[in-house]
Amino acid sequence: MIRLRGAFFVFLFNLNTFVQMVFWTPLFFFIPREYNWKIVRLWGLSNLWLQHLIIGNTFDFRGLENVPKDGALVASKHQSTWETYATLLFLNDPSYILKRELMYIPFFGWFATKAASIPVNRGKRTEALLSMSAVAKEQFDEDRQIVIYPEGTRKAAFADPAYKYGITYMYEKIEAPVVPVALNSGIFWPRSSFNLKEGHIVLEFLPKIAPGLSPEVFSAKLQSKIEQKTAELLAEAQ
């Protein structure tokens, strides 16, 4: 029953995404980017509503006083598809760092291009870091919030952390504040699974880490802050 309900939600989630992309595409390319994000937030809210209606999830967004209004890096734990549409609801003008292949997907790739997302060629690590940081620096100077998943991909809720060097490199090169984000979504919507579970999903924006720390100190501090709070949220969910 749980898998059937989860499969039904995933079907509606994908259908909702496709229908909204097709519906909004003619308008999306003729309005300023700030209005584009209003459309994307509508998509995000509709997904939360579907998830509450079908799965029975409730949602709690904490630490909203820590949400950056100006330029910043937003370093989020990544356990589920859920945070990809939940986090953007609170950011003024976000820019997502994503793998380059996603930019080639019809409709989605067009939206990501218009939103000035930052594509990354994972096959060329050094070139990717240089290119990613250069674009992110320009967007930071434009007061955009650059969203990055420090582990590079979704991880199971209780998996050991595996933070990549990219976030530390960007922190040092851009000299931007970093807002860590912790969550417990992986318990309720595991990666590549239809086993969506009813329960209370929490996402929490943590106090920013100011620029100026050494790479080693920053890396340790970021991982400690995210993992400690994530562990608390996972324990709370259980």
C-alpha atoms as a PDB file:
ATOM      1  CA  MET A   1       0.000   0.000   0.000  1.00  0.00           C
ATOM      2  CA  ILE A   2       2.847   2.373   0.870  1.00  0.00           C
ATOM      3  CA  ARG A   3       4.620   1.704  -2.426  1.00  0.00           C
ATOM      4  CA  LEU A   4       1.380   2.092  -4.381  1.00  0.00           C
ATOM      5  CA  ARG A   5       0.638   5.406  -2.718  1.00  0.00           C
ATOM      6  CA  GLY A   6       4.208   6.538  -3.264  1.00  0.00           C
ATOM      7  CA  ALA A   7       4.126   5.527  -6.928  1.00  0.00           C
ATOM      8  CA  PHE A   8       0.897   7.464  -7.386  1.00  0.00           C
ATOM      9  CA  PHE A   9       2.452  10.580  -5.877  1.00  0.00           C
ATOM     10  CA  VAL A  10       5.624  10.279  -7.988  1.00  0.00           C
ATOM     11  CA  PHE A  11       3.442   9.899 -11.085  1.00  0.00           C
ATOM     12  CA  LEU A  12       1.475  13.049 -10.190  1.00  0.00           C
ATOM     13  CA  PHE A  13       4.679  14.889  -9.260  1.00  0.00           C
ATOM     14  CA  ASN A  14       6.166  14.167 -12.692  1.00  0.00           C
ATOM     15  CA  LEU A  15       2.881  14.939 -14.435  1.00  0.00           C
ATOM     16  CA  ASN A  16       2.536  18.210 -12.541  1.00  0.00           C
ATOM     17  CA  THR A  17       6.109  19.144 -13.437  1.00  0.00           C
ATOM     18  CA  PHE A  18       5.639  18.364 -17.127  1.00  0.00           C
ATOM     19  CA  VAL A  19       2.260  20.103 -17.440  1.00  0.00           C
ATOM     20  CA  GLN A  20       3.486  23.251 -15.702  1.00  0.00           C
ATOM     21  CA  MET A  21       6.631  23.382 -17.816  1.00  0.00           C
ATOM     22  CA  VAL A  22       4.643  23.089 -21.018  1.00  0.00           C
ATOM     23  CA  PHE A  23       2.021  25.574 -19.839  1.00  0.00           C
ATOM     24  CA  TRP A  24       4.462  28.233 -18.637  1.00  0.00           C
ATOM     25  CA  THR A  25       7.134  27.921 -21.329  1.00  0.00           C
ATOM     26  CA  PRO A  26       5.615  30.485 -23.751  1.00  0.00           C
ATOM     27  CA  LEU A  27       5.532  33.068 -20.961  1.00  0.00           C
ATOM     28  CA  PHE A  28       8.758  32.045 -19.233  1.00  0.00           C
ATOM     29  CA  PHE A  29      11.035  33.411 -21.938  1.00  0.00           C
ATOM     30  CA  PHE A  30       9.424  36.835 -22.166  1.00  0.00           C
ATOM     31  CA  ILE A  31       9.368  37.952 -18.544  1.00  0.00           C
ATOM     32  CA  PRO A  32      12.240  39.044 -16.237  1.00  0.00           C
ATOM     33  CA  ARG A  33      14.006  36.414 -14.135  1.00  0.00           C
ATOM     34  CA  GLU A  34      12.474  37.645 -10.872  1.00  0.00           C
ATOM     35  CA  TYR A  35       9.024  36.804 -12.244  1.00  0.00           C
ATOM     36  CA  ASN A  36      10.297  33.461 -13.493  1.00  0.00           C
ATOM     37  CA  TRP A  37      10.967  32.472  -9.894  1.00  0.00           C
ATOM     38  CA  LYS A  38       7.375  33.255  -8.935  1.00  0.00           C
ATOM     39  CA  ILE A  39       6.315  30.633 -11.469  1.00  0.00           C
ATOM     40  CA  VAL A  40       8.838  28.124 -10.124  1.00  0.00           C
ATOM     41  CA  ARG A  41       7.665  28.752  -6.553  1.00  0.00           C
ATOM     42  CA  LEU A  42       4.103  28.039  -7.645  1.00  0.00           C
ATOM     43  CA  TRP A  43       5.356  24.684  -8.934  1.00  0.00           C
ATOM     44  CA  GLY A  44       7.091  24.044  -5.604  1.00  0.00           C
ATOM     45  CA  LEU A  45       4.000  24.892  -3.562  1.00  0.00           C
ATOM     46  CA  SER A  46       1.814  22.655  -5.724  1.00  0.00           C
ATOM     47  CA  ASN A  47       4.198  19.753  -5.082  1.00  0.00           C
ATOM     48  CA  LEU A  48       4.032  20.316  -1.319  1.00  0.00           C
ATOM     49  CA  TRP A  49       0.250  20.320  -1.533  1.00  0.00           C
ATOM     50  CA  LEU A  50       0.223  17.056  -3.511  1.00  0.00           C
ATOM     51  CA  GLN A  51       2.634  15.458  -1.073  1.00  0.00           C
ATOM     52  CA  HIS A  52       0.518  16.481   1.904  1.00  0.00           C
ATOM     53  CA  LEU A  53      -2.694  15.335   0.237  1.00  0.00           C
ATOM     54  CA  ILE A  54      -1.474  11.950  -0.995  1.00  0.00           C
ATOM     55  CA  ILE A  55       1.284  10.906   1.404  1.00  0.00           C
ATOM     56  CA  GLY A  56       0.167  12.853   4.470  1.00  0.00           C
ATOM     57  CA  ASN A  57       3.446  14.681   5.038  1.00  0.00           C
ATOM     58  CA  THR A  58       3.529  17.889   7.029  1.00  0.00           C
ATOM     59  CA  PHE A  59       6.360  20.402   6.758  1.00  0.00           C
ATOM     60  CA  ASP A  60       8.323  22.625   9.105  1.00  0.00           C
ATOM     61  CA  PHE A  61      10.738  25.302   7.904  1.00  0.00           C
ATOM     62  CA  ARG A  62      12.988  26.574  10.671  1.00  0.00           C
ATOM     63  CA  GLY A  63      15.698  29.200  10.968  1.00  0.00           C
ATOM     64  CA  LEU A  64      14.029  31.495   8.455  1.00  0.00           C
ATOM     65  CA  GLU A  65      15.786  34.412  10.121  1.00  0.00           C
ATOM     66  CA  ASN A  66      19.005  32.934   8.656  1.00  0.00           C
ATOM     67  CA  VAL A  67      17.758  32.931   5.056  1.00  0.00           C
ATOM     68  CA  PRO A  68      20.096  35.212   3.067  1.00  0.00           C
ATOM     69  CA  LYS A  69      18.533  38.227   1.384  1.00  0.00           C
ATOM     70  CA  ASP A  70      21.704  39.222  -0.455  1.00  0.00           C
ATOM     71  CA  GLY A  71      24.474  37.290  -2.170  1.00  0.00           C
ATOM     72  CA  ALA A  72      25.516  34.070  -0.418  1.00  0.00           C
ATOM     73  CA  LEU A  73      26.331  30.418  -0.872  1.00  0.00           C
ATOM     74  CA  VAL A  74      23.618  28.084   0.417  1.00  0.00           C
ATOM     75  CA  ALA A  75      25.142  24.687   1.279  1.00  0.00           C
ATOM     76  CA  SER A  76      22.383  22.137   1.769  1.00  0.00           C
ATOM     77  CA  LYS A  77      22.260  18.536   2.880  1.00  0.00           C
ATOM     78  CA  HIS A  78      20.748  16.501   0.045  1.00  0.00           C
ATOM     79  CA  GLN A  79      18.757  13.360   0.860  1.00  0.00           C
ATOM     80  CA  SER A  80      15.710  13.575  -1.398  1.00  0.00           C
ATOM     81  CA  THR A  81      14.020  15.241  -4.342  1.00  0.00           C
ATOM     82  CA  TRP A  82      11.936  17.156  -1.801  1.00  0.00           C
ATOM     83  CA  GLU A  83      14.478  19.853  -0.919  1.00  0.00           C
ATOM     84  CA  THR A  84      15.005  20.753  -4.583  1.00  0.00           C
ATOM     85  CA  TYR A  85      11.599  22.426  -4.605  1.00  0.00           C
ATOM     86  CA  ALA A  86      11.219  23.213  -0.900  1.00  0.00           C
ATOM     87  CA  THR A  87      14.374  25.310  -0.438  1.00  0.00           C
ATOM     88  CA  LEU A  88      13.731  27.654  -3.365  1.00  0.00           C
ATOM     89  CA  LEU A  89      10.467  28.845  -1.793  1.00  0.00           C
ATOM     90  CA  PHE A  90      12.472  31.054   0.583  1.00  0.00           C
ATOM     91  CA  LEU A  91      15.234  32.437  -1.653  1.00  0.00           C
ATOM     92  CA  ASN A  92      14.895  35.732  -3.515  1.00  0.00           C
ATOM     93  CA  ASP A  93      16.939  34.915  -6.600  1.00  0.00           C
ATOM     94  CA  PRO A  94      18.544  31.483  -6.326  1.00  0.00           C
ATOM     95  CA  SER A  95      20.991  29.896  -8.732  1.00  0.00           C
ATOM     96  CA  TYR A  96      21.449  26.139  -8.631  1.00  0.00           C
ATOM     97  CA  ILE A  97      24.705  24.350  -9.351  1.00  0.00           C
ATOM     98  CA  LEU A  98      23.778  21.234 -11.309  1.00  0.00           C
ATOM     99  CA  LYS A  99      25.374  18.684 -13.567  1.00  0.00           C
ATOM    100  CA  ARG A 100      25.678  19.805 -17.181  1.00  0.00           C
ATOM    101  CA  GLU A 101      23.635  16.910 -18.594  1.00  0.00           C
ATOM    102  CA  LEU A 102      20.470  18.294 -16.997  1.00  0.00           C
ATOM    103  CA  MET A 103      20.704  21.388 -19.196  1.00  0.00           C
ATOM    104  CA  TYR A 104      20.031  19.238 -22.263  1.00  0.00           C
ATOM    105  CA  ILE A 105      16.645  17.984 -21.061  1.00  0.00           C
ATOM    106  CA  PRO A 106      13.772  19.619 -23.028  1.00  0.00           C
ATOM    107  CA  PHE A 107      11.753  22.125 -21.000  1.00  0.00           C
ATOM    108  CA  PHE A 108      13.737  21.591 -17.774  1.00  0.00           C
ATOM    109  CA  GLY A 109      16.991  22.567 -19.440  1.00  0.00           C
ATOM    110  CA  TRP A 110      15.353  25.600 -21.020  1.00  0.00           C
ATOM    111  CA  PHE A 111      14.043  26.754 -17.645  1.00  0.00           C
ATOM    112  CA  ALA A 112      17.444  26.137 -16.003  1.00  0.00           C
ATOM    113  CA  THR A 113      19.163  28.146 -18.735  1.00  0.00           C
ATOM    114  CA  LYS A 114      16.749  31.072 -18.415  1.00  0.00           C
ATOM    115  CA  ALA A 115      17.189  30.987 -14.631  1.00  0.00           C
ATOM    116  CA  ALA A 116      20.982  31.220 -15.181  1.00  0.00           C
ATOM    117  CA  SER A 117      21.757  28.015 -13.317  1.00  0.00           C
ATOM    118  CA  ILE A 118      25.415  26.974 -13.182  1.00  0.00           C
ATOM    119  CA  PRO A 119      26.165  23.762 -15.133  1.00  0.00           C
ATOM    120  CA  VAL A 120      29.120  21.627 -14.071  1.00  0.00           C
ATOM    121  CA  ASN A 121      31.075  19.175 -16.212  1.00  0.00           C
ATOM    122  CA  ARG A 122      31.920  16.519 -13.650  1.00  0.00           C
ATOM    123  CA  GLY A 123      34.337  14.834 -16.029  1.00  0.00           C
ATOM    124  CA  LYS A 124      36.727  17.796 -15.928  1.00  0.00           C
ATOM    125  CA  ARG A 125      37.203  18.495 -12.238  1.00  0.00           C
ATOM    126  CA  THR A 126      39.765  21.322 -12.348  1.00  0.00           C
ATOM    127  CA  GLU A 127      38.157  23.131 -15.269  1.00  0.00           C
ATOM    128  CA  ALA A 128      34.738  22.657 -13.675  1.00  0.00           C
ATOM    129  CA  LEU A 129      35.866  24.249 -10.390  1.00  0.00           C
ATOM    130  CA  LEU A 130      37.375  27.241 -12.156  1.00  0.00           C
ATOM    131  CA  SER A 131      34.364  27.799 -14.415  1.00  0.00           C
ATOM    132  CA  MET A 132      31.828  27.207 -11.646  1.00  0.00           C
ATOM    133  CA  SER A 133      33.551  29.616  -9.277  1.00  0.00           C
ATOM    134  CA  ALA A 134      33.906  32.341 -11.903  1.00  0.00           C
ATOM    135  CA  VAL A 135      30.197  32.286 -12.735  1.00  0.00           C
ATOM    136  CA  ALA A 136      29.225  31.975  -9.067  1.00  0.00           C
ATOM    137  CA  LYS A 137      31.354  35.030  -8.238  1.00  0.00           C
ATOM    138  CA  GLU A 138      29.486  37.089 -10.866  1.00  0.00           C
ATOM    139  CA  GLN A 139      26.150  35.940  -9.484  1.00  0.00           C
ATOM    140  CA  PHE A 140      27.199  36.577  -5.896  1.00  0.00           C
ATOM    141  CA  ASP A 141      28.077  40.144  -6.885  1.00  0.00           C
ATOM    142  CA  GLU A 142      24.533  40.403  -8.276  1.00  0.00           C
ATOM    143  CA  ASP A 143      23.152  39.451  -4.832  1.00  0.00           C
ATOM    144  CA  ARG A 144      22.026  35.994  -5.898  1.00  0.00           C
ATOM    145  CA  GLN A 145      21.912  32.962  -3.595  1.00  0.00           C
ATOM    146  CA  ILE A 146      23.952  30.097  -5.065  1.00  0.00           C
ATOM    147  CA  VAL A 147      22.627  26.722  -3.945  1.00  0.00           C
ATOM    148  CA  ILE A 148      25.133  23.882  -3.793  1.00  0.00           C
ATOM    149  CA  TYR A 149      24.929  20.353  -2.397  1.00  0.00           C
ATOM    150  CA  PRO A 150      28.346  19.818  -0.735  1.00  0.00           C
ATOM    151  CA  GLU A 151      28.217  16.047  -1.153  1.00  0.00           C
ATOM    152  CA  GLY A 152      27.458  16.364  -4.845  1.00  0.00           C
ATOM    153  CA  THR A 153      24.500  13.986  -4.894  1.00  0.00           C
ATOM    154  CA  ARG A 154      21.686  12.628  -2.773  1.00  0.00           C
ATOM    155  CA  LYS A 155      22.733  10.521   0.201  1.00  0.00           C
ATOM    156  CA  ALA A 156      20.677   8.107   2.283  1.00  0.00           C
ATOM    157  CA  ALA A 157      19.390   9.541   5.542  1.00  0.00           C
ATOM    158  CA  PHE A 158      21.894   7.783   7.817  1.00  0.00           C
ATOM    159  CA  ALA A 159      24.777   7.366   5.372  1.00  0.00           C
ATOM    160  CA  ASP A 160      28.263   8.514   6.331  1.00  0.00           C
ATOM    161  CA  PRO A 161      28.957  12.056   5.056  1.00  0.00           C
ATOM    162  CA  ALA A 162      31.147  12.511   1.969  1.00  0.00           C
ATOM    163  CA  TYR A 163      31.717  16.227   1.441  1.00  0.00           C
ATOM    164  CA  LYS A 164      33.445  17.305  -1.764  1.00  0.00           C
ATOM    165  CA  TYR A 165      36.116  19.972  -2.126  1.00  0.00           C
ATOM    166  CA  GLY A 166      33.962  22.172  -4.380  1.00  0.00           C
ATOM    167  CA  ILE A 167      32.187  24.098  -1.622  1.00  0.00           C
ATOM    168  CA  THR A 168      35.473  24.841   0.165  1.00  0.00           C
ATOM    169  CA  TYR A 169      37.091  26.013  -3.061  1.00  0.00           C
ATOM    170  CA  MET A 170      34.142  28.321  -3.795  1.00  0.00           C
ATOM    171  CA  TYR A 171      34.115  29.676  -0.237  1.00  0.00           C
ATOM    172  CA  GLU A 172      37.778  30.633  -0.538  1.00  0.00           C
ATOM    173  CA  LYS A 173      37.633  32.054  -4.067  1.00  0.00           C
ATOM    174  CA  ILE A 174      34.340  33.940  -3.854  1.00  0.00           C
ATOM    175  CA  GLU A 175      34.797  35.156  -0.266  1.00  0.00           C
ATOM    176  CA  ALA A 176      31.089  34.776   0.339  1.00  0.00           C
ATOM    177  CA  PRO A 177      29.156  33.898   3.493  1.00  0.00           C
ATOM    178  CA  VAL A 178      27.832  30.345   3.549  1.00  0.00           C
ATOM    179  CA  VAL A 179      24.418  29.419   4.960  1.00  0.00           C
ATOM    180  CA  PRO A 180      24.300  25.707   5.917  1.00  0.00           C
ATOM    181  CA  VAL A 181      21.011  23.816   5.586  1.00  0.00           C
ATOM    182  CA  ALA A 182      20.078  20.647   7.485  1.00  0.00           C
ATOM    183  CA  LEU A 183      17.048  18.403   6.942  1.00  0.00           C
ATOM    184  CA  ASN A 184      15.533  14.957   7.490  1.00  0.00           C
ATOM    185  CA  SER A 185      13.714  14.406   4.177  1.00  0.00           C
ATOM    186  CA  GLY A 186      15.532  11.155   3.406  1.00  0.00           C
ATOM    187  CA  ILE A 187      13.524   9.296   6.031  1.00  0.00           C
ATOM    188  CA  PHE A 188      10.259  10.129   4.292  1.00  0.00           C
ATOM    189  CA  TRP A 189      11.287  10.125   0.613  1.00  0.00           C
ATOM    190  CA  PRO A 190      14.372   7.929   0.135  1.00  0.00           C
ATOM    191  CA  ARG A 191      16.472   8.285  -2.978  1.00  0.00           C
ATOM    192  CA  SER A 192      15.181   6.383  -6.044  1.00  0.00           C
ATOM    193  CA  SER A 193      12.280   4.919  -4.109  1.00  0.00           C
ATOM    194  CA  PHE A 194       8.472   4.842  -4.112  1.00  0.00           C
ATOM    195  CA  ASN A 195       8.487   4.183  -0.354  1.00  0.00           C
ATOM    196  CA  LEU A 196       7.278   7.629   0.648  1.00  0.00           C
ATOM    197  CA  LYS A 197       6.260   7.682   4.286  1.00  0.00           C
ATOM    198  CA  GLU A 198       3.837   9.825   6.209  1.00  0.00           C
ATOM    199  CA  GLY A 199       5.479  12.122   8.736  1.00  0.00           C
ATOM    200  CA  HIS A 200       6.872  15.530   9.569  1.00  0.00           C
ATOM    201  CA  ILE A 201       9.652  16.775   7.264  1.00  0.00           C
ATOM    202  CA  VAL A 202      11.897  19.506   8.653  1.00  0.00           C
ATOM    203  CA  LEU A 203      14.316  21.810   6.848  1.00  0.00           C
ATOM    204  CA  GLU A 204      16.401  24.239   8.877  1.00  0.00           C
ATOM    205  CA  PHE A 205      18.528  27.168   7.733  1.00  0.00           C
ATOM    206  CA  LEU A 206      21.488  27.511  10.101  1.00  0.00           C
ATOM    207  CA  PRO A 207      23.448  30.657  11.037  1.00  0.00           C
ATOM    208  CA  LYS A 208      25.837  31.729   8.318  1.00  0.00           C
ATOM    209  CA  ILE A 209      29.546  31.038   8.303  1.00  0.00           C
ATOM    210  CA  ALA A 210      31.323  34.321   7.603  1.00  0.00           C
ATOM    211  CA  PRO A 211      34.070  34.517   4.972  1.00  0.00           C
ATOM    212  CA  GLY A 212      37.712  34.639   5.950  1.00  0.00           C
ATOM    213  CA  LEU A 213      38.316  31.260   7.595  1.00  0.00           C
ATOM    214  CA  SER A 214      41.082  28.998   6.365  1.00  0.00           C
ATOM    215  CA  PRO A 215      39.897  26.237   4.003  1.00  0.00           C
ATOM    216  CA  GLU A 216      40.570  23.542   6.597  1.00  0.00           C
ATOM    217  CA  VAL A 217      38.706  25.327   9.397  1.00  0.00           C
ATOM    218  CA  PHE A 218      35.786  26.200   7.113  1.00  0.00           C
ATOM    219  CA  SER A 219      35.436  22.654   5.764  1.00  0.00           C
ATOM    220  CA  ALA A 220      35.409  21.146   9.253  1.00  0.00           C
ATOM    221  CA  LYS A 221      32.995  23.756  10.565  1.00  0.00           C
ATOM    222  CA  LEU A 222      30.544  23.390   7.677  1.00  0.00           C
ATOM    223  CA  GLN A 223      30.413  19.616   7.927  1.00  0.00           C
ATOM    224  CA  SER A 224      30.096  19.711  11.704  1.00  0.00           C
ATOM    225  CA  LYS A 225      27.217  22.210  11.663  1.00  0.00           C
ATOM    226  CA  ILE A 226      25.233  20.403   8.953  1.00  0.00           C
ATOM    227  CA  GLU A 227      25.809  16.884  10.235  1.00  0.00           C
ATOM    228  CA  GLN A 228      25.115  17.708  13.875  1.00  0.00           C
ATOM    229  CA  LYS A 229      21.824  19.420  13.108  1.00  0.00           C
ATOM    230  CA  THR A 230      20.830  16.771  10.562  1.00  0.00           C
ATOM    231  CA  ALA A 231      21.426  14.057  13.168  1.00  0.00           C
ATOM    232  CA  GLU A 232      19.168  15.953  15.582  1.00  0.00           C
ATOM    233  CA  LEU A 233      16.420  16.250  12.968  1.00  0.00           C
ATOM    234  CA  LEU A 234      16.689  12.554  12.055  1.00  0.00           C
ATOM    235  CA  ALA A 235      16.437  11.595  15.711  1.00  0.00           C
ATOM    236  CA  GLU A 236      13.466  13.900  16.126  1.00  0.00           C
ATOM    237  CA  ALA A 237      11.722  12.223  13.179  1.00  0.00           C
ATOM    238  CA  GLN A 238      12.181   8.798  14.701  1.00  0.00           C
END
